[in-house]
Amino acid sequence: KSNFELAVADKVADMRRLKGLSQSDLATILEVTRGFIGQVESPNSPSAYSLDHLNRLAFELKCSVHDLIPAIPIVEGDWDN
């Protein structure tokens, strides 16, 4: 999983907690399993949110998609600086 995907998962998890929602609640919104949400939030799994997931979450959480992604680019380890 990329550093960007991890950062997005962290932002979504923070928003989820802020709104008082469980992983099961998010799974219901996205029509996926609670296990999938757990995998997305785990750094050890390759699972990640799609753009469609983020769009639906922003709608349901009444926020901007921008609130669910990092404000600045996340540099990956294999990028030349």
C-alpha atoms as a PDB file:
ATOM      1  CA  LYS A   1       0.000   0.000   0.000  1.00  0.00           C
ATOM      2  CA  SER A   2       1.359   3.409  -0.911  1.00  0.00           C
ATOM      3  CA  ASN A   3       2.005   6.178   1.584  1.00  0.00           C
ATOM      4  CA  PHE A   4      -0.761   8.157  -0.124  1.00  0.00           C
ATOM      5  CA  GLU A   5      -3.261   5.302   0.311  1.00  0.00           C
ATOM      6  CA  LEU A   6      -2.270   5.056   3.984  1.00  0.00           C
ATOM      7  CA  ALA A   7      -2.741   8.802   4.441  1.00  0.00           C
ATOM      8  CA  VAL A   8      -6.192   8.650   2.815  1.00  0.00           C
ATOM      9  CA  ALA A   9      -7.197   5.705   5.010  1.00  0.00           C
ATOM     10  CA  ASP A  10      -6.052   7.645   8.090  1.00  0.00           C
ATOM     11  CA  LYS A  11      -8.036  10.743   7.061  1.00  0.00           C
ATOM     12  CA  VAL A  12     -11.174   8.676   6.437  1.00  0.00           C
ATOM     13  CA  ALA A  13     -10.746   6.858   9.768  1.00  0.00           C
ATOM     14  CA  ASP A  14     -10.330  10.204  11.556  1.00  0.00           C
ATOM     15  CA  MET A  15     -13.492  11.552   9.909  1.00  0.00           C
ATOM     16  CA  ARG A  16     -15.315   8.303  10.718  1.00  0.00           C
ATOM     17  CA  ARG A  17     -14.437   8.643  14.398  1.00  0.00           C
ATOM     18  CA  LEU A  18     -15.260  12.359  14.413  1.00  0.00           C
ATOM     19  CA  LYS A  19     -18.749  11.533  13.100  1.00  0.00           C
ATOM     20  CA  GLY A  20     -19.130   8.735  15.682  1.00  0.00           C
ATOM     21  CA  LEU A  21     -19.256   5.969  13.084  1.00  0.00           C
ATOM     22  CA  SER A  22     -17.918   2.437  13.312  1.00  0.00           C
ATOM     23  CA  GLN A  23     -16.176   0.429  10.615  1.00  0.00           C
ATOM     24  CA  SER A  24     -19.480  -1.440  10.230  1.00  0.00           C
ATOM     25  CA  ASP A  25     -21.299   1.846   9.616  1.00  0.00           C
ATOM     26  CA  LEU A  26     -18.841   2.741   6.850  1.00  0.00           C
ATOM     27  CA  ALA A  27     -19.201  -0.736   5.371  1.00  0.00           C
ATOM     28  CA  THR A  28     -22.966  -0.306   5.218  1.00  0.00           C
ATOM     29  CA  ILE A  29     -22.617   3.083   3.505  1.00  0.00           C
ATOM     30  CA  LEU A  30     -20.207   1.684   0.900  1.00  0.00           C
ATOM     31  CA  GLU A  31     -21.992  -1.668   0.553  1.00  0.00           C
ATOM     32  CA  VAL A  32     -18.795  -3.568   1.396  1.00  0.00           C
ATOM     33  CA  THR A  33     -17.877  -5.827   4.309  1.00  0.00           C
ATOM     34  CA  ARG A  34     -16.629  -4.580   7.652  1.00  0.00           C
ATOM     35  CA  GLY A  35     -13.570  -6.692   6.951  1.00  0.00           C
ATOM     36  CA  PHE A  36     -12.819  -4.607   3.869  1.00  0.00           C
ATOM     37  CA  ILE A  37     -12.895  -1.407   5.950  1.00  0.00           C
ATOM     38  CA  GLY A  38     -10.553  -3.057   8.454  1.00  0.00           C
ATOM     39  CA  GLN A  39      -8.214  -4.044   5.629  1.00  0.00           C
ATOM     40  CA  VAL A  40      -8.214  -0.511   4.219  1.00  0.00           C
ATOM     41  CA  GLU A  41      -7.358   0.890   7.658  1.00  0.00           C
ATOM     42  CA  SER A  42      -4.567  -1.689   8.134  1.00  0.00           C
ATOM     43  CA  PRO A  43      -1.102  -0.833   6.805  1.00  0.00           C
ATOM     44  CA  ASN A  44      -0.503  -4.570   6.254  1.00  0.00           C
ATOM     45  CA  SER A  45      -3.227  -5.030   3.615  1.00  0.00           C
ATOM     46  CA  PRO A  46      -3.146  -3.840  -0.005  1.00  0.00           C
ATOM     47  CA  SER A  47      -6.865  -2.895   0.095  1.00  0.00           C
ATOM     48  CA  ALA A  48      -7.601   0.797  -0.500  1.00  0.00           C
ATOM     49  CA  TYR A  49     -10.556   3.106  -1.092  1.00  0.00           C
ATOM     50  CA  SER A  50     -11.451   3.820  -4.704  1.00  0.00           C
ATOM     51  CA  LEU A  51     -12.333   7.290  -5.959  1.00  0.00           C
ATOM     52  CA  ASP A  52     -15.969   6.177  -6.051  1.00  0.00           C
ATOM     53  CA  HIS A  53     -15.722   5.153  -2.383  1.00  0.00           C
ATOM     54  CA  LEU A  54     -14.344   8.576  -1.455  1.00  0.00           C
ATOM     55  CA  ASN A  55     -17.049  10.349  -3.437  1.00  0.00           C
ATOM     56  CA  ARG A  56     -19.799   8.359  -1.684  1.00  0.00           C
ATOM     57  CA  LEU A  57     -18.223   8.883   1.740  1.00  0.00           C
ATOM     58  CA  ALA A  58     -17.987  12.629   1.191  1.00  0.00           C
ATOM     59  CA  PHE A  59     -21.682  12.692   0.272  1.00  0.00           C
ATOM     60  CA  GLU A  60     -22.751  10.585   3.263  1.00  0.00           C
ATOM     61  CA  LEU A  61     -20.444  12.332   5.754  1.00  0.00           C
ATOM     62  CA  LYS A  62     -21.510  15.744   4.433  1.00  0.00           C
ATOM     63  CA  CYS A  63     -17.982  16.886   3.751  1.00  0.00           C
ATOM     64  CA  SER A  64     -15.790  17.586   0.751  1.00  0.00           C
ATOM     65  CA  VAL A  65     -13.741  14.884  -0.940  1.00  0.00           C
ATOM     66  CA  HIS A  66     -10.860  17.258  -0.155  1.00  0.00           C
ATOM     67  CA  ASP A  67     -11.459  16.559   3.541  1.00  0.00           C
ATOM     68  CA  LEU A  68     -10.694  12.880   2.907  1.00  0.00           C
ATOM     69  CA  ILE A  69      -7.368  13.276   1.102  1.00  0.00           C
ATOM     70  CA  PRO A  70      -4.091  14.894   2.159  1.00  0.00           C
ATOM     71  CA  ALA A  71      -3.766  18.609   1.381  1.00  0.00           C
ATOM     72  CA  ILE A  72      -0.245  18.199   0.024  1.00  0.00           C
ATOM     73  CA  PRO A  73       1.344  15.466  -2.121  1.00  0.00           C
ATOM     74  CA  ILE A  74       2.667  12.480  -0.201  1.00  0.00           C
ATOM     75  CA  VAL A  75       6.154  11.588  -1.411  1.00  0.00           C
ATOM     76  CA  GLU A  76       6.668   7.897  -2.050  1.00  0.00           C
ATOM     77  CA  GLY A  77       9.965   6.262  -1.192  1.00  0.00           C
ATOM     78  CA  ASP A  78      10.805   5.353  -4.775  1.00  0.00           C
ATOM     79  CA  TRP A  79      10.414   8.879  -6.170  1.00  0.00           C
ATOM     80  CA  ASP A  80      13.521  10.753  -7.191  1.00  0.00           C
ATOM     81  CA  ASN A  81      13.738  13.994  -5.200  1.00  0.00           C
END
